Amino acid sequence: AGSVALKLALARQAGDEAKHYARIEERLRELGDDLAGFNPLA
């Protein structure tokens, strides 16, 4: 990224998406889904 502002925005975005991932993962566990060995990019 060419600017510090854009770099920081992208860093925040990556972090936000990681938080979303963790929340969905938590919900799946609440629903009884065993995610052991699960790779979403398989």
All heavy atoms as atom14 arrays in JSON, in Angstrom:
{
  "sequence": "AGSVALKLALARQAGDEAKHYARIEERLRELGDDLAGFNPLA",
  "atom14_mask": [
    [1, 1, 1, 1, 1, 0, 0, 0, 0, 0, 0, 0, 0, 0],
    [1, 1, 1, 1, 0, 0, 0, 0, 0, 0, 0, 0, 0, 0],
    [1, 1, 1, 1, 1, 1, 0, 0, 0, 0, 0, 0, 0, 0],
    [1, 1, 1, 1, 1, 1, 1, 0, 0, 0, 0, 0, 0, 0],
    [1, 1, 1, 1, 1, 0, 0, 0, 0, 0, 0, 0, 0, 0],
    [1, 1, 1, 1, 1, 1, 1, 1, 0, 0, 0, 0, 0, 0],
    [1, 1, 1, 1, 1, 1, 1, 1, 1, 0, 0, 0, 0, 0],
    [1, 1, 1, 1, 1, 1, 1, 1, 0, 0, 0, 0, 0, 0],
    [1, 1, 1, 1, 1, 0, 0, 0, 0, 0, 0, 0, 0, 0],
    [1, 1, 1, 1, 1, 1, 1, 1, 0, 0, 0, 0, 0, 0],
    [1, 1, 1, 1, 1, 0, 0, 0, 0, 0, 0, 0, 0, 0],
    [1, 1, 1, 1, 1, 1, 1, 1, 1, 1, 1, 0, 0, 0],
    [1, 1, 1, 1, 1, 1, 1, 1, 1, 0, 0, 0, 0, 0],
    [1, 1, 1, 1, 1, 0, 0, 0, 0, 0, 0, 0, 0, 0],
    [1, 1, 1, 1, 0, 0, 0, 0, 0, 0, 0, 0, 0, 0],
    [1, 1, 1, 1, 1, 1, 1, 1, 0, 0, 0, 0, 0, 0],
    [1, 1, 1, 1, 1, 1, 1, 1, 1, 0, 0, 0, 0, 0],
    [1, 1, 1, 1, 1, 0, 0, 0, 0, 0, 0, 0, 0, 0],
    [1, 1, 1, 1, 1, 1, 1, 1, 1, 0, 0, 0, 0, 0],
    [1, 1, 1, 1, 1, 1, 1, 1, 1, 1, 0, 0, 0, 0],
    [1, 1, 1, 1, 1, 1, 1, 1, 1, 1, 1, 1, 0, 0],
    [1, 1, 1, 1, 1, 0, 0, 0, 0, 0, 0, 0, 0, 0],
    [1, 1, 1, 1, 1, 1, 1, 1, 1, 1, 1, 0, 0, 0],
    [1, 1, 1, 1, 1, 1, 1, 1, 0, 0, 0, 0, 0, 0],
    [1, 1, 1, 1, 1, 1, 1, 1, 1, 0, 0, 0, 0, 0],
    [1, 1, 1, 1, 1, 1, 1, 1, 1, 0, 0, 0, 0, 0],
    [1, 1, 1, 1, 1, 1, 1, 1, 1, 1, 1, 0, 0, 0],
    [1, 1, 1, 1, 1, 1, 1, 1, 0, 0, 0, 0, 0, 0],
    [1, 1, 1, 1, 1, 1, 1, 1, 1, 1, 1, 0, 0, 0],
    [1, 1, 1, 1, 1, 1, 1, 1, 1, 0, 0, 0, 0, 0],
    [1, 1, 1, 1, 1, 1, 1, 1, 0, 0, 0, 0, 0, 0],
    [1, 1, 1, 1, 0, 0, 0, 0, 0, 0, 0, 0, 0, 0],
    [1, 1, 1, 1, 1, 1, 1, 1, 0, 0, 0, 0, 0, 0],
    [1, 1, 1, 1, 1, 1, 1, 1, 0, 0, 0, 0, 0, 0],
    [1, 1, 1, 1, 1, 1, 1, 1, 0, 0, 0, 0, 0, 0],
    [1, 1, 1, 1, 1, 0, 0, 0, 0, 0, 0, 0, 0, 0],
    [1, 1, 1, 1, 0, 0, 0, 0, 0, 0, 0, 0, 0, 0],
    [1, 1, 1, 1, 1, 1, 1, 1, 1, 1, 1, 0, 0, 0],
    [1, 1, 1, 1, 1, 1, 1, 1, 0, 0, 0, 0, 0, 0],
    [1, 1, 1, 1, 1, 1, 1, 0, 0, 0, 0, 0, 0, 0],
    [1, 1, 1, 1, 1, 1, 1, 1, 0, 0, 0, 0, 0, 0],
    [1, 1, 1, 1, 1, 0, 0, 0, 0, 0, 0, 0, 0, 0]
  ],
  "atom14_positions": [
    [[0.85, -1.19, 0.0], [0.0, 0.0, 0.0], [0.89, 1.24, 0.0], [1.94, 1.27, 0.63], [-0.92, -0.01, 1.22], [0.0, 0.0, 0.0], [0.0, 0.0, 0.0], [0.0, 0.0, 0.0], [0.0, 0.0, 0.0], [0.0, 0.0, 0.0], [0.0, 0.0, 0.0], [0.0, 0.0, 0.0], [0.0, 0.0, 0.0], [0.0, 0.0, 0.0]],
    [[0.44, 2.25, -0.73], [1.28, 3.44, -0.93], [1.26, 4.46, 0.19], [2.15, 5.29, 0.27], [0.0, 0.0, 0.0], [0.0, 0.0, 0.0], [0.0, 0.0, 0.0], [0.0, 0.0, 0.0], [0.0, 0.0, 0.0], [0.0, 0.0, 0.0], [0.0, 0.0, 0.0], [0.0, 0.0, 0.0], [0.0, 0.0, 0.0], [0.0, 0.0, 0.0]],
    [[0.28, 4.41, 1.05], [0.22, 5.41, 2.11], [0.06, 4.74, 3.47], [-0.47, 3.63, 3.57], [-0.96, 6.37, 1.89], [-2.19, 5.72, 2.15], [0.0, 0.0, 0.0], [0.0, 0.0, 0.0], [0.0, 0.0, 0.0], [0.0, 0.0, 0.0], [0.0, 0.0, 0.0], [0.0, 0.0, 0.0], [0.0, 0.0, 0.0], [0.0, 0.0, 0.0]],
    [[0.5, 5.43, 4.48], [0.36, 4.91, 5.84], [-1.11, 4.77, 6.19], [-1.52, 3.79, 6.82], [1.09, 5.84, 6.85], [0.77, 5.45, 8.28], [2.59, 5.79, 6.61], [0.0, 0.0, 0.0], [0.0, 0.0, 0.0], [0.0, 0.0, 0.0], [0.0, 0.0, 0.0], [0.0, 0.0, 0.0], [0.0, 0.0, 0.0], [0.0, 0.0, 0.0]],
    [[-1.93, 5.72, 5.77], [-3.37, 5.66, 6.07], [-3.99, 4.39, 5.49], [-4.79, 3.72, 6.16], [-4.09, 6.9, 5.53], [0.0, 0.0, 0.0], [0.0, 0.0, 0.0], [0.0, 0.0, 0.0], [0.0, 0.0, 0.0], [0.0, 0.0, 0.0], [0.0, 0.0, 0.0], [0.0, 0.0, 0.0], [0.0, 0.0, 0.0], [0.0, 0.0, 0.0]],
    [[-3.63, 4.05, 4.26], [-4.16, 2.85, 3.64], [-3.62, 1.6, 4.34], [-4.35, 0.64, 4.58], [-3.87, 2.81, 2.14], [-4.44, 1.63, 1.38], [-5.96, 1.5, 1.59], [-4.13, 1.76, -0.1], [0.0, 0.0, 0.0], [0.0, 0.0, 0.0], [0.0, 0.0, 0.0], [0.0, 0.0, 0.0], [0.0, 0.0, 0.0], [0.0, 0.0, 0.0]],
    [[-2.34, 1.62, 4.67], [-1.76, 0.48, 5.39], [-2.51, 0.22, 6.7], [-2.84, -0.92, 7.02], [-0.28, 0.72, 5.69], [0.63, 0.59, 4.49], [2.06, 0.88, 4.89], [3.0, 0.81, 3.71], [3.23, -0.54, 3.22], [0.0, 0.0, 0.0], [0.0, 0.0, 0.0], [0.0, 0.0, 0.0], [0.0, 0.0, 0.0], [0.0, 0.0, 0.0]],
    [[-2.79, 1.28, 7.44], [-3.49, 1.13, 8.71], [-4.93, 0.66, 8.5], [-5.44, -0.16, 9.28], [-3.44, 2.44, 9.49], [-2.04, 2.85, 9.97], [-2.07, 4.24, 10.6], [-1.48, 1.82, 10.92], [0.0, 0.0, 0.0], [0.0, 0.0, 0.0], [0.0, 0.0, 0.0], [0.0, 0.0, 0.0], [0.0, 0.0, 0.0], [0.0, 0.0, 0.0]],
    [[-5.59, 1.17, 7.46], [-6.95, 0.73, 7.17], [-6.98, -0.76, 6.82], [-7.87, -1.49, 7.27], [-7.54, 1.56, 6.02], [0.0, 0.0, 0.0], [0.0, 0.0, 0.0], [0.0, 0.0, 0.0], [0.0, 0.0, 0.0], [0.0, 0.0, 0.0], [0.0, 0.0, 0.0], [0.0, 0.0, 0.0], [0.0, 0.0, 0.0], [0.0, 0.0, 0.0]],
    [[-6.01, -1.21, 6.03], [-5.94, -2.62, 5.68], [-5.63, -3.49, 6.9], [-6.18, -4.59, 7.05], [-4.91, -2.84, 4.57], [-5.3, -2.29, 3.2], [-4.08, -2.28, 2.26], [-6.45, -3.08, 2.6], [0.0, 0.0, 0.0], [0.0, 0.0, 0.0], [0.0, 0.0, 0.0], [0.0, 0.0, 0.0], [0.0, 0.0, 0.0], [0.0, 0.0, 0.0]],
    [[-4.78, -2.99, 7.76], [-4.46, -3.74, 8.99], [-5.71, -3.88, 9.86], [-5.99, -4.96, 10.4], [-3.34, -3.03, 9.76], [0.0, 0.0, 0.0], [0.0, 0.0, 0.0], [0.0, 0.0, 0.0], [0.0, 0.0, 0.0], [0.0, 0.0, 0.0], [0.0, 0.0, 0.0], [0.0, 0.0, 0.0], [0.0, 0.0, 0.0], [0.0, 0.0, 0.0]],
    [[-6.48, -2.79, 9.98], [-7.73, -2.86, 10.74], [-8.7, -3.84, 10.1], [-9.36, -4.62, 10.79], [-8.36, -1.48, 10.86], [-7.72, -0.59, 11.91], [-8.53, 0.68, 12.16], [-8.64, 1.51, 10.97], [-7.75, 2.42, 10.59], [-6.66, 2.62, 11.32], [-7.93, 3.14, 9.51], [0.0, 0.0, 0.0], [0.0, 0.0, 0.0], [0.0, 0.0, 0.0]],
    [[-8.78, -3.8, 8.79], [-9.69, -4.7, 8.07], [-9.31, -6.15, 8.3], [-10.16, -7.0, 8.59], [-9.69, -4.39, 6.57], [-10.64, -5.24, 5.77], [-12.09, -4.91, 6.05], [-12.42, -3.77, 6.35], [-12.97, -5.89, 5.95], [0.0, 0.0, 0.0], [0.0, 0.0, 0.0], [0.0, 0.0, 0.0], [0.0, 0.0, 0.0], [0.0, 0.0, 0.0]],
    [[-8.02, -6.45, 8.19], [-7.57, -7.83, 8.42], [-7.92, -8.27, 9.84], [-8.4, -9.4, 10.06], [-6.06, -7.94, 8.18], [0.0, 0.0, 0.0], [0.0, 0.0, 0.0], [0.0, 0.0, 0.0], [0.0, 0.0, 0.0], [0.0, 0.0, 0.0], [0.0, 0.0, 0.0], [0.0, 0.0, 0.0], [0.0, 0.0, 0.0], [0.0, 0.0, 0.0]],
    [[-7.71, -7.4, 10.79], [-8.05, -7.71, 12.17], [-9.53, -7.9, 12.39], [-9.97, -8.81, 13.11], [0.0, 0.0, 0.0], [0.0, 0.0, 0.0], [0.0, 0.0, 0.0], [0.0, 0.0, 0.0], [0.0, 0.0, 0.0], [0.0, 0.0, 0.0], [0.0, 0.0, 0.0], [0.0, 0.0, 0.0], [0.0, 0.0, 0.0], [0.0, 0.0, 0.0]],
    [[-10.34, -7.05, 11.77], [-11.8, -7.18, 11.9], [-12.27, -8.52, 11.35], [-13.12, -9.18, 11.95], [-12.51, -6.04, 11.16], [-12.41, -4.7, 11.86], [-11.99, -4.67, 13.05], [-12.73, -3.68, 11.22], [0.0, 0.0, 0.0], [0.0, 0.0, 0.0], [0.0, 0.0, 0.0], [0.0, 0.0, 0.0], [0.0, 0.0, 0.0], [0.0, 0.0, 0.0]],
    [[-11.74, -8.9, 10.2], [-12.15, -10.18, 9.6], [-11.72, -11.35, 10.47], [-12.45, -12.34, 10.61], [-11.58, -10.31, 8.19], [-11.96, -9.2, 7.23], [-13.44, -8.94, 7.09], [-14.27, -9.83, 7.37], [-13.8, -7.81, 6.7], [0.0, 0.0, 0.0], [0.0, 0.0, 0.0], [0.0, 0.0, 0.0], [0.0, 0.0, 0.0], [0.0, 0.0, 0.0]],
    [[-10.54, -11.24, 11.1], [-10.08, -12.29, 12.02], [-11.01, -12.39, 13.23], [-11.32, -13.5, 13.69], [-8.65, -12.01, 12.46], [0.0, 0.0, 0.0], [0.0, 0.0, 0.0], [0.0, 0.0, 0.0], [0.0, 0.0, 0.0], [0.0, 0.0, 0.0], [0.0, 0.0, 0.0], [0.0, 0.0, 0.0], [0.0, 0.0, 0.0], [0.0, 0.0, 0.0]],
    [[-11.49, -11.26, 13.72], [-12.46, -11.27, 14.82], [-13.76, -11.94, 14.39], [-14.36, -12.71, 15.14], [-12.74, -9.85, 15.31], [-11.6, -9.23, 16.07], [-11.95, -7.8, 16.43], [-10.73, -7.04, 16.88], [-11.0, -5.61, 17.07], [0.0, 0.0, 0.0], [0.0, 0.0, 0.0], [0.0, 0.0, 0.0], [0.0, 0.0, 0.0], [0.0, 0.0, 0.0]],
    [[-14.21, -11.62, 13.19], [-15.43, -12.26, 12.67], [-15.25, -13.77, 12.6], [-16.13, -14.54, 12.95], [-15.78, -11.73, 11.27], [-16.02, -10.26, 11.22], [-15.91, -9.54, 10.06], [-16.34, -9.37, 12.18], [-16.16, -8.26, 10.31], [-16.43, -8.13, 11.59], [0.0, 0.0, 0.0], [0.0, 0.0, 0.0], [0.0, 0.0, 0.0], [0.0, 0.0, 0.0]],
    [[-14.08, -14.19, 12.12], [-13.78, -15.62, 12.03], [-13.91, -16.27, 13.41], [-14.54, -17.31, 13.56], [-12.36, -15.82, 11.47], [-12.02, -17.26, 11.19], [-12.14, -17.78, 9.91], [-11.59, -18.12, 12.21], [-11.83, -19.11, 9.65], [-11.28, -19.44, 11.97], [-11.41, -19.93, 10.68], [-11.12, -21.25, 10.42], [0.0, 0.0, 0.0], [0.0, 0.0, 0.0]],
    [[-13.31, -15.63, 14.4], [-13.34, -16.19, 15.77], [-14.77, -16.27, 16.3], [-15.14, -17.25, 16.96], [-12.47, -15.35, 16.7], [0.0, 0.0, 0.0], [0.0, 0.0, 0.0], [0.0, 0.0, 0.0], [0.0, 0.0, 0.0], [0.0, 0.0, 0.0], [0.0, 0.0, 0.0], [0.0, 0.0, 0.0], [0.0, 0.0, 0.0], [0.0, 0.0, 0.0]],
    [[-15.59, -15.28, 16.0], [-16.98, -15.3, 16.47], [-17.78, -16.43, 15.8], [-18.58, -17.1, 16.45], [-17.65, -13.96, 16.2], [-17.16, -12.87, 17.12], [-17.87, -11.57, 16.87], [-17.29, -10.53, 17.69], [-17.09, -9.3, 17.27], [-17.43, -8.93, 16.05], [-16.56, -8.4, 18.09], [0.0, 0.0, 0.0], [0.0, 0.0, 0.0], [0.0, 0.0, 0.0]],
    [[-17.55, -16.62, 14.52], [-18.25, -17.71, 13.81], [-17.78, -19.05, 14.33], [-18.58, -19.96, 14.56], [-18.05, -17.57, 12.29], [-18.72, -16.3, 11.77], [-18.6, -18.81, 11.57], [-18.31, -15.92, 10.37], [0.0, 0.0, 0.0], [0.0, 0.0, 0.0], [0.0, 0.0, 0.0], [0.0, 0.0, 0.0], [0.0, 0.0, 0.0], [0.0, 0.0, 0.0]],
    [[-16.49, -19.17, 14.53], [-15.92, -20.4, 15.08], [-16.54, -20.71, 16.46], [-16.92, -21.85, 16.74], [-14.41, -20.24, 15.19], [-13.63, -21.5, 15.32], [-12.14, -21.21, 15.27], [-11.66, -20.29, 15.98], [-11.45, -21.89, 14.51], [0.0, 0.0, 0.0], [0.0, 0.0, 0.0], [0.0, 0.0, 0.0], [0.0, 0.0, 0.0], [0.0, 0.0, 0.0]],
    [[-16.67, -19.68, 17.27], [-17.28, -19.85, 18.6], [-18.73, -20.31, 18.47], [-19.18, -21.21, 19.18], [-17.22, -18.51, 19.35], [-17.82, -18.54, 20.73], [-17.74, -17.17, 21.4], [-16.79, -16.41, 21.14], [-18.66, -16.87, 22.18], [0.0, 0.0, 0.0], [0.0, 0.0, 0.0], [0.0, 0.0, 0.0], [0.0, 0.0, 0.0], [0.0, 0.0, 0.0]],
    [[-19.46, -19.71, 17.53], [-20.86, -20.1, 17.34], [-20.97, -21.55, 16.86], [-21.85, -22.3, 17.3], [-21.55, -19.16, 16.35], [-23.0, -19.49, 16.1], [-23.82, -19.34, 17.37], [-25.2, -19.69, 17.11], [-25.96, -20.41, 17.92], [-25.49, -20.82, 19.09], [-27.18, -20.69, 17.6], [0.0, 0.0, 0.0], [0.0, 0.0, 0.0], [0.0, 0.0, 0.0]],
    [[-20.09, -21.95, 15.98], [-20.09, -23.34, 15.52], [-19.86, -24.3, 16.68], [-20.52, -25.34, 16.77], [-19.04, -23.54, 14.43], [-19.45, -23.08, 13.04], [-18.25, -22.96, 12.12], [-20.48, -24.02, 12.45], [0.0, 0.0, 0.0], [0.0, 0.0, 0.0], [0.0, 0.0, 0.0], [0.0, 0.0, 0.0], [0.0, 0.0, 0.0], [0.0, 0.0, 0.0]],
    [[-18.96, -23.96, 17.54], [-18.72, -24.82, 18.71], [-19.96, -24.88, 19.6], [-20.29, -25.94, 20.13], [-17.5, -24.34, 19.48], [-16.21, -24.67, 18.76], [-14.98, -24.49, 19.64], [-13.81, -24.91, 18.9], [-13.02, -24.08, 18.22], [-13.26, -22.79, 18.2], [-11.97, -24.54, 17.56], [0.0, 0.0, 0.0], [0.0, 0.0, 0.0], [0.0, 0.0, 0.0]],
    [[-20.63, -23.73, 19.78], [-21.88, -23.71, 20.56], [-22.92, -24.64, 19.94], [-23.74, -25.22, 20.65], [-22.44, -22.29, 20.63], [-21.66, -21.35, 21.5], [-22.13, -19.91, 21.36], [-23.08, -19.63, 20.6], [-21.53, -19.03, 22.02], [0.0, 0.0, 0.0], [0.0, 0.0, 0.0], [0.0, 0.0, 0.0], [0.0, 0.0, 0.0], [0.0, 0.0, 0.0]],
    [[-22.9, -24.75, 18.62], [-23.85, -25.61, 17.91], [-23.4, -27.07, 17.9], [-24.05, -27.92, 17.31], [-24.05, -25.11, 16.48], [-24.74, -23.75, 16.34], [-24.7, -23.27, 14.9], [-26.17, -23.83, 16.84], [0.0, 0.0, 0.0], [0.0, 0.0, 0.0], [0.0, 0.0, 0.0], [0.0, 0.0, 0.0], [0.0, 0.0, 0.0], [0.0, 0.0, 0.0]],
    [[-22.26, -27.35, 18.54], [-21.78, -28.72, 18.63], [-20.91, -29.17, 17.48], [-20.62, -30.35, 17.35], [0.0, 0.0, 0.0], [0.0, 0.0, 0.0], [0.0, 0.0, 0.0], [0.0, 0.0, 0.0], [0.0, 0.0, 0.0], [0.0, 0.0, 0.0], [0.0, 0.0, 0.0], [0.0, 0.0, 0.0], [0.0, 0.0, 0.0], [0.0, 0.0, 0.0]],
    [[-20.46, -28.23, 16.65], [-19.61, -28.6, 15.52], [-18.17, -28.77, 15.99], [-17.61, -27.89, 16.64], [-19.68, -27.53, 14.43], [-19.04, -27.96, 13.13], [-18.81, -29.17, 12.93], [-18.76, -27.08, 12.29], [0.0, 0.0, 0.0], [0.0, 0.0, 0.0], [0.0, 0.0, 0.0], [0.0, 0.0, 0.0], [0.0, 0.0, 0.0], [0.0, 0.0, 0.0]],
    [[-17.6, -29.9, 15.66], [-16.2, -30.18, 16.0], [-15.35, -29.71, 14.83], [-15.38, -30.28, 13.74], [-16.0, -31.67, 16.24], [-14.57, -32.03, 16.57], [-13.75, -31.11, 16.8], [-14.27, -33.23, 16.61], [0.0, 0.0, 0.0], [0.0, 0.0, 0.0], [0.0, 0.0, 0.0], [0.0, 0.0, 0.0], [0.0, 0.0, 0.0], [0.0, 0.0, 0.0]],
    [[-14.57, -28.67, 15.05], [-13.76, -28.09, 13.99], [-12.35, -28.66, 13.93], [-11.52, -28.17, 13.17], [-13.72, -26.57, 14.13], [-15.05, -25.87, 13.92], [-14.97, -24.41, 14.34], [-15.5, -25.99, 12.49], [0.0, 0.0, 0.0], [0.0, 0.0, 0.0], [0.0, 0.0, 0.0], [0.0, 0.0, 0.0], [0.0, 0.0, 0.0], [0.0, 0.0, 0.0]],
    [[-12.09, -29.69, 14.71], [-10.76, -30.31, 14.69], [-10.45, -30.8, 13.27], [-11.22, -31.53, 12.67], [-10.72, -31.48, 15.67], [0.0, 0.0, 0.0], [0.0, 0.0, 0.0], [0.0, 0.0, 0.0], [0.0, 0.0, 0.0], [0.0, 0.0, 0.0], [0.0, 0.0, 0.0], [0.0, 0.0, 0.0], [0.0, 0.0, 0.0], [0.0, 0.0, 0.0]],
    [[-9.34, -30.35, 12.75], [-8.93, -30.76, 11.41], [-9.61, -30.01, 10.28], [-9.29, -30.23, 9.12], [0.0, 0.0, 0.0], [0.0, 0.0, 0.0], [0.0, 0.0, 0.0], [0.0, 0.0, 0.0], [0.0, 0.0, 0.0], [0.0, 0.0, 0.0], [0.0, 0.0, 0.0], [0.0, 0.0, 0.0], [0.0, 0.0, 0.0], [0.0, 0.0, 0.0]],
    [[-10.54, -29.11, 10.6], [-11.23, -28.37, 9.54], [-10.35, -27.26, 9.01], [-9.79, -26.47, 9.77], [-12.54, -27.77, 10.07], [-13.23, -26.87, 9.09], [-13.82, -27.39, 7.94], [-13.29, -25.5, 9.29], [-14.45, -26.57, 7.02], [-13.91, -24.67, 8.38], [-14.49, -25.2, 7.24], [0.0, 0.0, 0.0], [0.0, 0.0, 0.0], [0.0, 0.0, 0.0]],
    [[-10.2, -27.2, 7.7], [-9.44, -26.15, 7.04], [-10.36, -25.48, 6.03], [-10.7, -26.09, 5.01], [-8.21, -26.72, 6.33], [-7.44, -25.67, 5.56], [-7.81, -24.5, 5.52], [-6.36, -26.09, 4.94], [0.0, 0.0, 0.0], [0.0, 0.0, 0.0], [0.0, 0.0, 0.0], [0.0, 0.0, 0.0], [0.0, 0.0, 0.0], [0.0, 0.0, 0.0]],
    [[-10.78, -24.25, 6.28], [-11.72, -23.6, 5.37], [-11.16, -23.38, 3.97], [-11.91, -23.15, 3.03], [-12.04, -22.28, 6.06], [-10.91, -22.03, 6.98], [-10.4, -23.38, 7.39], [0.0, 0.0, 0.0], [0.0, 0.0, 0.0], [0.0, 0.0, 0.0], [0.0, 0.0, 0.0], [0.0, 0.0, 0.0], [0.0, 0.0, 0.0], [0.0, 0.0, 0.0]],
    [[-9.85, -23.48, 3.83], [-9.23, -23.25, 2.53], [-8.77, -24.56, 1.86], [-8.05, -24.53, 0.87], [-8.04, -22.29, 2.68], [-8.41, -20.9, 3.2], [-7.16, -20.09, 3.49], [-9.32, -20.18, 2.22], [0.0, 0.0, 0.0], [0.0, 0.0, 0.0], [0.0, 0.0, 0.0], [0.0, 0.0, 0.0], [0.0, 0.0, 0.0], [0.0, 0.0, 0.0]],
    [[-9.22, -25.68, 2.4], [-8.8, -26.98, 1.86], [-9.12, -27.14, 0.38], [-8.36, -27.75, -0.36], [-9.42, -28.11, 2.67], [0.0, 0.0, 0.0], [0.0, 0.0, 0.0], [0.0, 0.0, 0.0], [0.0, 0.0, 0.0], [0.0, 0.0, 0.0], [0.0, 0.0, 0.0], [0.0, 0.0, 0.0], [0.0, 0.0, 0.0], [0.0, 0.0, 0.0]]
  ]
}
